[in-house]
């Protein structure tokens, strides 16, 4: 981490220090020295960032407010292709003169370093699960192919392994099996009770 004075986010505020009511506007165009965000998408190191700032002198310190814009890059959380999207954030923070005051940021060597303020705003604005489009169908669960490329009609159906043994049985097999059973039942001679008695009388 660079020092407060050498940081590309640092601005000199000697002309505003202890001068309530004084105001100055400033713009910064920087190459991000350290990536912002550690998730699926982030503003990567070296990305261009534009920051418009307003510096206002107050009794307690210098109020820094502004707007930052950059391009975030990463991958779709559903289909994993590379994506990019703009990031636009607003921020405001008071940089106190007295380090003993209950503030998070302070004026150091007549400079205010806006890096952490900008970083916090950008990271909070990044989507937790970015997508290439709102209705992205994701990946085929069997082949891993991108469904948007192959079409959902070609997606493989996930078969319950408990039914896998039945997948090899065709309708023809089931029909032929039924016909064999019917044939066997028709060729088997049927002997009735009356016929058995007639045969016994002839024998006597």
C-alpha atoms as a PDB file:
ATOM      1  CA  UNK A   1       0.000   0.000   0.000  1.00  0.00           C
ATOM      2  CA  UNK A   2       1.437   3.365  -1.017  1.00  0.00           C
ATOM      3  CA  UNK A   3       1.838   6.225   1.418  1.00  0.00           C
ATOM      4  CA  UNK A   4      -0.931   8.769   1.759  1.00  0.00           C
ATOM      5  CA  UNK A   5       0.999  11.438  -0.158  1.00  0.00           C
ATOM      6  CA  UNK A   6       2.148   9.197  -3.011  1.00  0.00           C
ATOM      7  CA  UNK A   7      -1.198   7.466  -3.522  1.00  0.00           C
ATOM      8  CA  UNK A   8      -2.854   8.265  -6.884  1.00  0.00           C
ATOM      9  CA  UNK A   9      -6.051   8.862  -4.879  1.00  0.00           C
ATOM     10  CA  UNK A  10      -4.429  11.548  -2.697  1.00  0.00           C
ATOM     11  CA  UNK A  11      -5.207  15.264  -2.971  1.00  0.00           C
ATOM     12  CA  UNK A  12      -3.545  18.239  -1.343  1.00  0.00           C
ATOM     13  CA  UNK A  13      -5.947  20.235   0.854  1.00  0.00           C
ATOM     14  CA  UNK A  14      -3.711  22.862   2.454  1.00  0.00           C
ATOM     15  CA  UNK A  15      -5.754  25.633   0.833  1.00  0.00           C
ATOM     16  CA  UNK A  16      -8.918  24.263   2.479  1.00  0.00           C
ATOM     17  CA  UNK A  17      -7.586  23.297   5.893  1.00  0.00           C
ATOM     18  CA  UNK A  18      -9.251  25.185   8.743  1.00  0.00           C
ATOM     19  CA  UNK A  19     -11.180  27.346   6.285  1.00  0.00           C
ATOM     20  CA  UNK A  20     -14.848  26.475   6.716  1.00  0.00           C
ATOM     21  CA  UNK A  21     -16.891  27.287   3.647  1.00  0.00           C
ATOM     22  CA  UNK A  22     -14.038  26.928   1.173  1.00  0.00           C
ATOM     23  CA  UNK A  23     -14.761  24.478  -1.659  1.00  0.00           C
ATOM     24  CA  UNK A  24     -12.827  23.040  -4.581  1.00  0.00           C
ATOM     25  CA  UNK A  25     -13.640  20.503  -7.302  1.00  0.00           C
ATOM     26  CA  UNK A  26     -11.168  18.115  -8.824  1.00  0.00           C
ATOM     27  CA  UNK A  27     -11.076  15.207 -11.288  1.00  0.00           C
ATOM     28  CA  UNK A  28      -8.808  12.173 -11.307  1.00  0.00           C
ATOM     29  CA  UNK A  29      -8.099   9.683 -14.085  1.00  0.00           C
ATOM     30  CA  UNK A  30      -6.056   6.825 -12.718  1.00  0.00           C
ATOM     31  CA  UNK A  31      -5.023   3.262 -13.491  1.00  0.00           C
ATOM     32  CA  UNK A  32      -6.230   1.220 -10.531  1.00  0.00           C
ATOM     33  CA  UNK A  33      -3.056   0.112  -8.701  1.00  0.00           C
ATOM     34  CA  UNK A  34      -4.723  -2.744  -6.796  1.00  0.00           C
ATOM     35  CA  UNK A  35      -7.774  -4.783  -7.830  1.00  0.00           C
ATOM     36  CA  UNK A  36     -11.058  -3.878  -6.163  1.00  0.00           C
ATOM     37  CA  UNK A  37     -13.106  -6.941  -5.268  1.00  0.00           C
ATOM     38  CA  UNK A  38     -12.059 -10.540  -4.728  1.00  0.00           C
ATOM     39  CA  UNK A  39     -15.155 -12.389  -5.928  1.00  0.00           C
ATOM     40  CA  UNK A  40     -16.380 -13.563  -9.322  1.00  0.00           C
ATOM     41  CA  UNK A  41     -16.173 -10.011 -10.689  1.00  0.00           C
ATOM     42  CA  UNK A  42     -13.881  -7.100  -9.838  1.00  0.00           C
ATOM     43  CA  UNK A  43     -12.316  -3.883 -11.052  1.00  0.00           C
ATOM     44  CA  UNK A  44      -8.996  -5.346 -12.034  1.00  0.00           C
ATOM     45  CA  UNK A  45      -5.536  -3.968 -11.497  1.00  0.00           C
ATOM     46  CA  UNK A  46      -4.665  -1.510 -14.251  1.00  0.00           C
ATOM     47  CA  UNK A  47      -8.282  -0.707 -15.126  1.00  0.00           C
ATOM     48  CA  UNK A  48      -9.059   2.926 -15.918  1.00  0.00           C
ATOM     49  CA  UNK A  49     -11.077   4.788 -13.309  1.00  0.00           C
ATOM     50  CA  UNK A  50     -12.496   8.299 -13.475  1.00  0.00           C
ATOM     51  CA  UNK A  51     -13.295  10.163 -10.246  1.00  0.00           C
ATOM     52  CA  UNK A  52     -15.037  13.527  -9.876  1.00  0.00           C
ATOM     53  CA  UNK A  53     -14.442  15.054  -6.436  1.00  0.00           C
ATOM     54  CA  UNK A  54     -15.712  17.935  -4.350  1.00  0.00           C
ATOM     55  CA  UNK A  55     -13.615  19.063  -1.383  1.00  0.00           C
ATOM     56  CA  UNK A  56     -15.273  21.258   1.239  1.00  0.00           C
ATOM     57  CA  UNK A  57     -13.604  22.807   4.256  1.00  0.00           C
ATOM     58  CA  UNK A  58     -15.485  22.300   7.574  1.00  0.00           C
ATOM     59  CA  UNK A  59     -14.661  23.053  11.214  1.00  0.00           C
ATOM     60  CA  UNK A  60     -13.910  19.386  11.953  1.00  0.00           C
ATOM     61  CA  UNK A  61     -12.077  18.575   8.743  1.00  0.00           C
ATOM     62  CA  UNK A  62     -12.486  18.293   4.974  1.00  0.00           C
ATOM     63  CA  UNK A  63     -15.608  16.729   3.509  1.00  0.00           C
ATOM     64  CA  UNK A  64     -14.805  14.683   0.404  1.00  0.00           C
ATOM     65  CA  UNK A  65     -17.690  13.669  -1.833  1.00  0.00           C
ATOM     66  CA  UNK A  66     -17.689  12.438  -5.367  1.00  0.00           C
ATOM     67  CA  UNK A  67     -18.540   9.979  -8.099  1.00  0.00           C
ATOM     68  CA  UNK A  68     -16.336   7.171  -9.429  1.00  0.00           C
ATOM     69  CA  UNK A  69     -16.778   5.136 -12.607  1.00  0.00           C
ATOM     70  CA  UNK A  70     -14.892   2.121 -13.927  1.00  0.00           C
ATOM     71  CA  UNK A  71     -15.372  -1.173 -15.751  1.00  0.00           C
ATOM     72  CA  UNK A  72     -15.631  -4.405 -13.757  1.00  0.00           C
ATOM     73  CA  UNK A  73     -14.621  -7.715 -15.345  1.00  0.00           C
ATOM     74  CA  UNK A  74     -15.216 -11.312 -14.353  1.00  0.00           C
ATOM     75  CA  UNK A  75     -17.314 -14.309 -15.318  1.00  0.00           C
ATOM     76  CA  UNK A  76     -20.997 -15.177 -15.369  1.00  0.00           C
ATOM     77  CA  UNK A  77     -21.894 -17.120 -12.230  1.00  0.00           C
ATOM     78  CA  UNK A  78     -24.209 -19.409 -14.262  1.00  0.00           C
ATOM     79  CA  UNK A  79     -22.478 -20.194 -17.564  1.00  0.00           C
ATOM     80  CA  UNK A  80     -18.932 -19.036 -16.680  1.00  0.00           C
ATOM     81  CA  UNK A  81     -18.259 -16.912 -19.792  1.00  0.00           C
ATOM     82  CA  UNK A  82     -16.242 -13.710 -19.514  1.00  0.00           C
ATOM     83  CA  UNK A  83     -18.333 -10.613 -18.834  1.00  0.00           C
ATOM     84  CA  UNK A  84     -17.813  -6.929 -18.093  1.00  0.00           C
ATOM     85  CA  UNK A  85     -20.128  -4.266 -16.763  1.00  0.00           C
ATOM     86  CA  UNK A  86     -19.827  -0.611 -15.754  1.00  0.00           C
ATOM     87  CA  UNK A  87     -19.575   0.362 -12.098  1.00  0.00           C
ATOM     88  CA  UNK A  88     -20.859   3.777 -11.014  1.00  0.00           C
ATOM     89  CA  UNK A  89     -20.691   4.784  -7.344  1.00  0.00           C
ATOM     90  CA  UNK A  90     -21.201   7.882  -5.212  1.00  0.00           C
ATOM     91  CA  UNK A  91     -19.409   8.437  -1.924  1.00  0.00           C
ATOM     92  CA  UNK A  92     -18.934  11.006   0.822  1.00  0.00           C
ATOM     93  CA  UNK A  93     -16.617  10.987   3.819  1.00  0.00           C
ATOM     94  CA  UNK A  94     -15.290  13.467   6.350  1.00  0.00           C
ATOM     95  CA  UNK A  95     -11.517  13.568   6.830  1.00  0.00           C
ATOM     96  CA  UNK A  96     -10.947  14.968  10.310  1.00  0.00           C
ATOM     97  CA  UNK A  97      -8.077  17.218  11.366  1.00  0.00           C
ATOM     98  CA  UNK A  98      -7.743  15.757  14.854  1.00  0.00           C
ATOM     99  CA  UNK A  99      -6.884  12.059  15.048  1.00  0.00           C
ATOM    100  CA  UNK A 100      -8.318  11.922  18.566  1.00  0.00           C
ATOM    101  CA  UNK A 101     -11.822  12.570  17.188  1.00  0.00           C
ATOM    102  CA  UNK A 102     -14.183   9.655  16.577  1.00  0.00           C
ATOM    103  CA  UNK A 103     -13.768   9.506  12.783  1.00  0.00           C
ATOM    104  CA  UNK A 104     -12.582   6.830  10.380  1.00  0.00           C
ATOM    105  CA  UNK A 105     -10.455   9.035   8.115  1.00  0.00           C
ATOM    106  CA  UNK A 106      -8.050  11.898   8.766  1.00  0.00           C
ATOM    107  CA  UNK A 107      -6.047  14.594   7.001  1.00  0.00           C
ATOM    108  CA  UNK A 108      -2.374  13.525   6.825  1.00  0.00           C
ATOM    109  CA  UNK A 109       0.387  15.932   5.858  1.00  0.00           C
ATOM    110  CA  UNK A 110      -2.141  18.308   4.316  1.00  0.00           C
ATOM    111  CA  UNK A 111      -3.473  15.506   2.077  1.00  0.00           C
ATOM    112  CA  UNK A 112      -6.597  13.373   1.958  1.00  0.00           C
ATOM    113  CA  UNK A 113      -6.247   9.868   0.541  1.00  0.00           C
ATOM    114  CA  UNK A 114      -9.565   8.753  -0.979  1.00  0.00           C
ATOM    115  CA  UNK A 115      -8.478   5.219  -1.878  1.00  0.00           C
ATOM    116  CA  UNK A 116     -10.240   3.342   0.922  1.00  0.00           C
ATOM    117  CA  UNK A 117     -13.404   5.422   0.539  1.00  0.00           C
ATOM    118  CA  UNK A 118     -13.571   4.694  -3.196  1.00  0.00           C
ATOM    119  CA  UNK A 119     -12.636   1.041  -2.706  1.00  0.00           C
ATOM    120  CA  UNK A 120     -15.375   0.450  -0.126  1.00  0.00           C
ATOM    121  CA  UNK A 121     -18.002   2.045  -2.380  1.00  0.00           C
ATOM    122  CA  UNK A 122     -16.923   0.039  -5.450  1.00  0.00           C
ATOM    123  CA  UNK A 123     -16.738  -3.323  -3.669  1.00  0.00           C
ATOM    124  CA  UNK A 124     -20.195  -2.848  -2.169  1.00  0.00           C
ATOM    125  CA  UNK A 125     -21.589  -2.031  -5.629  1.00  0.00           C
ATOM    126  CA  UNK A 126     -20.233  -5.192  -7.291  1.00  0.00           C
ATOM    127  CA  UNK A 127     -22.852  -7.924  -7.846  1.00  0.00           C
ATOM    128  CA  UNK A 128     -22.444 -11.025  -5.676  1.00  0.00           C
ATOM    129  CA  UNK A 129     -23.591 -13.356  -8.466  1.00  0.00           C
ATOM    130  CA  UNK A 130     -23.080 -11.549 -11.788  1.00  0.00           C
ATOM    131  CA  UNK A 131     -24.770 -12.942 -14.906  1.00  0.00           C
ATOM    132  CA  UNK A 132     -24.225 -12.366 -18.623  1.00  0.00           C
ATOM    133  CA  UNK A 133     -27.961 -11.739 -18.970  1.00  0.00           C
ATOM    134  CA  UNK A 134     -30.889 -11.938 -16.533  1.00  0.00           C
ATOM    135  CA  UNK A 135     -32.332 -15.103 -18.124  1.00  0.00           C
ATOM    136  CA  UNK A 136     -29.033 -16.958 -18.584  1.00  0.00           C
ATOM    137  CA  UNK A 137     -29.942 -20.693 -18.529  1.00  0.00           C
ATOM    138  CA  UNK A 138     -26.508 -21.777 -17.279  1.00  0.00           C
ATOM    139  CA  UNK A 139     -24.736 -25.025 -18.178  1.00  0.00           C
ATOM    140  CA  UNK A 140     -25.967 -28.466 -19.212  1.00  0.00           C
ATOM    141  CA  UNK A 141     -25.677 -30.584 -16.025  1.00  0.00           C
ATOM    142  CA  UNK A 142     -24.364 -33.598 -17.974  1.00  0.00           C
ATOM    143  CA  UNK A 143     -22.069 -32.232 -20.691  1.00  0.00           C
ATOM    144  CA  UNK A 144     -21.176 -28.873 -19.158  1.00  0.00           C
ATOM    145  CA  UNK A 145     -22.041 -27.108 -22.417  1.00  0.00           C
ATOM    146  CA  UNK A 146     -23.502 -23.617 -22.325  1.00  0.00           C
ATOM    147  CA  UNK A 147     -27.257 -23.985 -22.790  1.00  0.00           C
ATOM    148  CA  UNK A 148     -27.552 -20.610 -24.519  1.00  0.00           C
ATOM    149  CA  UNK A 149     -25.262 -21.962 -27.275  1.00  0.00           C
ATOM    150  CA  UNK A 150     -26.738 -25.454 -27.810  1.00  0.00           C
ATOM    151  CA  UNK A 151     -30.389 -24.675 -27.125  1.00  0.00           C
ATOM    152  CA  UNK A 152     -32.305 -26.021 -24.185  1.00  0.00           C
ATOM    153  CA  UNK A 153     -34.153 -28.547 -26.393  1.00  0.00           C
ATOM    154  CA  UNK A 154     -30.889 -30.454 -26.816  1.00  0.00           C
ATOM    155  CA  UNK A 155     -30.082 -30.500 -23.138  1.00  0.00           C
ATOM    156  CA  UNK A 156     -29.617 -33.997 -21.807  1.00  0.00           C
ATOM    157  CA  UNK A 157     -32.209 -35.221 -19.367  1.00  0.00           C
ATOM    158  CA  UNK A 158     -30.756 -36.246 -16.030  1.00  0.00           C
ATOM    159  CA  UNK A 159     -31.886 -39.861 -15.464  1.00  0.00           C
ATOM    160  CA  UNK A 160     -32.404 -41.129 -11.950  1.00  0.00           C
ATOM    161  CA  UNK A 161     -29.850 -43.985 -11.590  1.00  0.00           C
ATOM    162  CA  UNK A 162     -32.539 -46.146  -9.959  1.00  0.00           C
ATOM    163  CA  UNK A 163     -34.357 -46.173 -13.328  1.00  0.00           C
ATOM    164  CA  UNK A 164     -31.250 -46.628 -15.470  1.00  0.00           C
ATOM    165  CA  UNK A 165     -31.843 -50.404 -15.901  1.00  0.00           C
ATOM    166  CA  UNK A 166     -35.197 -49.710 -17.537  1.00  0.00           C
ATOM    167  CA  UNK A 167     -33.754 -47.300 -20.074  1.00  0.00           C
ATOM    168  CA  UNK A 168     -32.629 -50.216 -22.314  1.00  0.00           C
ATOM    169  CA  UNK A 169     -36.096 -51.694 -22.618  1.00  0.00           C
ATOM    170  CA  UNK A 170     -37.864 -50.681 -25.804  1.00  0.00           C
ATOM    171  CA  UNK A 171     -41.531 -50.775 -26.667  1.00  0.00           C
ATOM    172  CA  UNK A 172     -40.898 -53.584 -29.215  1.00  0.00           C
ATOM    173  CA  UNK A 173     -39.348 -55.786 -26.547  1.00  0.00           C
ATOM    174  CA  UNK A 174     -42.295 -55.246 -24.241  1.00  0.00           C
ATOM    175  CA  UNK A 175     -44.804 -55.995 -27.054  1.00  0.00           C
ATOM    176  CA  UNK A 176     -43.068 -59.146 -28.215  1.00  0.00           C
ATOM    177  CA  UNK A 177     -42.913 -60.422 -24.680  1.00  0.00           C
ATOM    178  CA  UNK A 178     -46.669 -59.940 -24.364  1.00  0.00           C
ATOM    179  CA  UNK A 179     -47.320 -61.739 -27.656  1.00  0.00           C
ATOM    180  CA  UNK A 180     -45.263 -64.763 -26.563  1.00  0.00           C
ATOM    181  CA  UNK A 181     -47.296 -64.993 -23.398  1.00  0.00           C
ATOM    182  CA  UNK A 182     -50.566 -64.837 -25.348  1.00  0.00           C
ATOM    183  CA  UNK A 183     -49.399 -67.528 -27.779  1.00  0.00           C
ATOM    184  CA  UNK A 184     -48.424 -69.816 -24.961  1.00  0.00           C
ATOM    185  CA  UNK A 185     -51.824 -69.428 -23.332  1.00  0.00           C
ATOM    186  CA  UNK A 186     -53.680 -70.261 -26.567  1.00  0.00           C
ATOM    187  CA  UNK A 187     -51.669 -73.411 -27.429  1.00  0.00           C
ATOM    188  CA  UNK A 188     -51.871 -74.993 -24.007  1.00  0.00           C
ATOM    189  CA  UNK A 189     -54.754 -77.566 -24.025  1.00  0.00           C
ATOM    190  CA  UNK A 190     -57.513 -76.841 -21.555  1.00  0.00           C
ATOM    191  CA  UNK A 191     -59.090 -79.841 -19.756  1.00  0.00           C
ATOM    192  CA  UNK A 192     -62.481 -79.266 -18.182  1.00  0.00           C
ATOM    193  CA  UNK A 193     -64.053 -81.194 -15.340  1.00  0.00           C
ATOM    194  CA  UNK A 194     -66.773 -82.640 -17.691  1.00  0.00           C
ATOM    195  CA  UNK A 195     -64.210 -84.023 -20.097  1.00  0.00           C
ATOM    196  CA  UNK A 196     -62.381 -85.786 -17.260  1.00  0.00           C
ATOM    197  CA  UNK A 197     -65.617 -87.584 -16.154  1.00  0.00           C
ATOM    198  CA  UNK A 198     -66.441 -88.671 -19.766  1.00  0.00           C
ATOM    199  CA  UNK A 199     -63.006 -90.183 -20.190  1.00  0.00           C
ATOM    200  CA  UNK A 200     -63.407 -92.078 -16.896  1.00  0.00           C
ATOM    201  CA  UNK A 201     -66.827 -93.582 -17.974  1.00  0.00           C
ATOM    202  CA  UNK A 202     -65.368 -94.795 -21.274  1.00  0.00           C
ATOM    203  CA  UNK A 203     -62.539 -96.462 -19.430  1.00  0.00           C
ATOM    204  CA  UNK A 204     -65.057 -98.394 -17.234  1.00  0.00           C
END
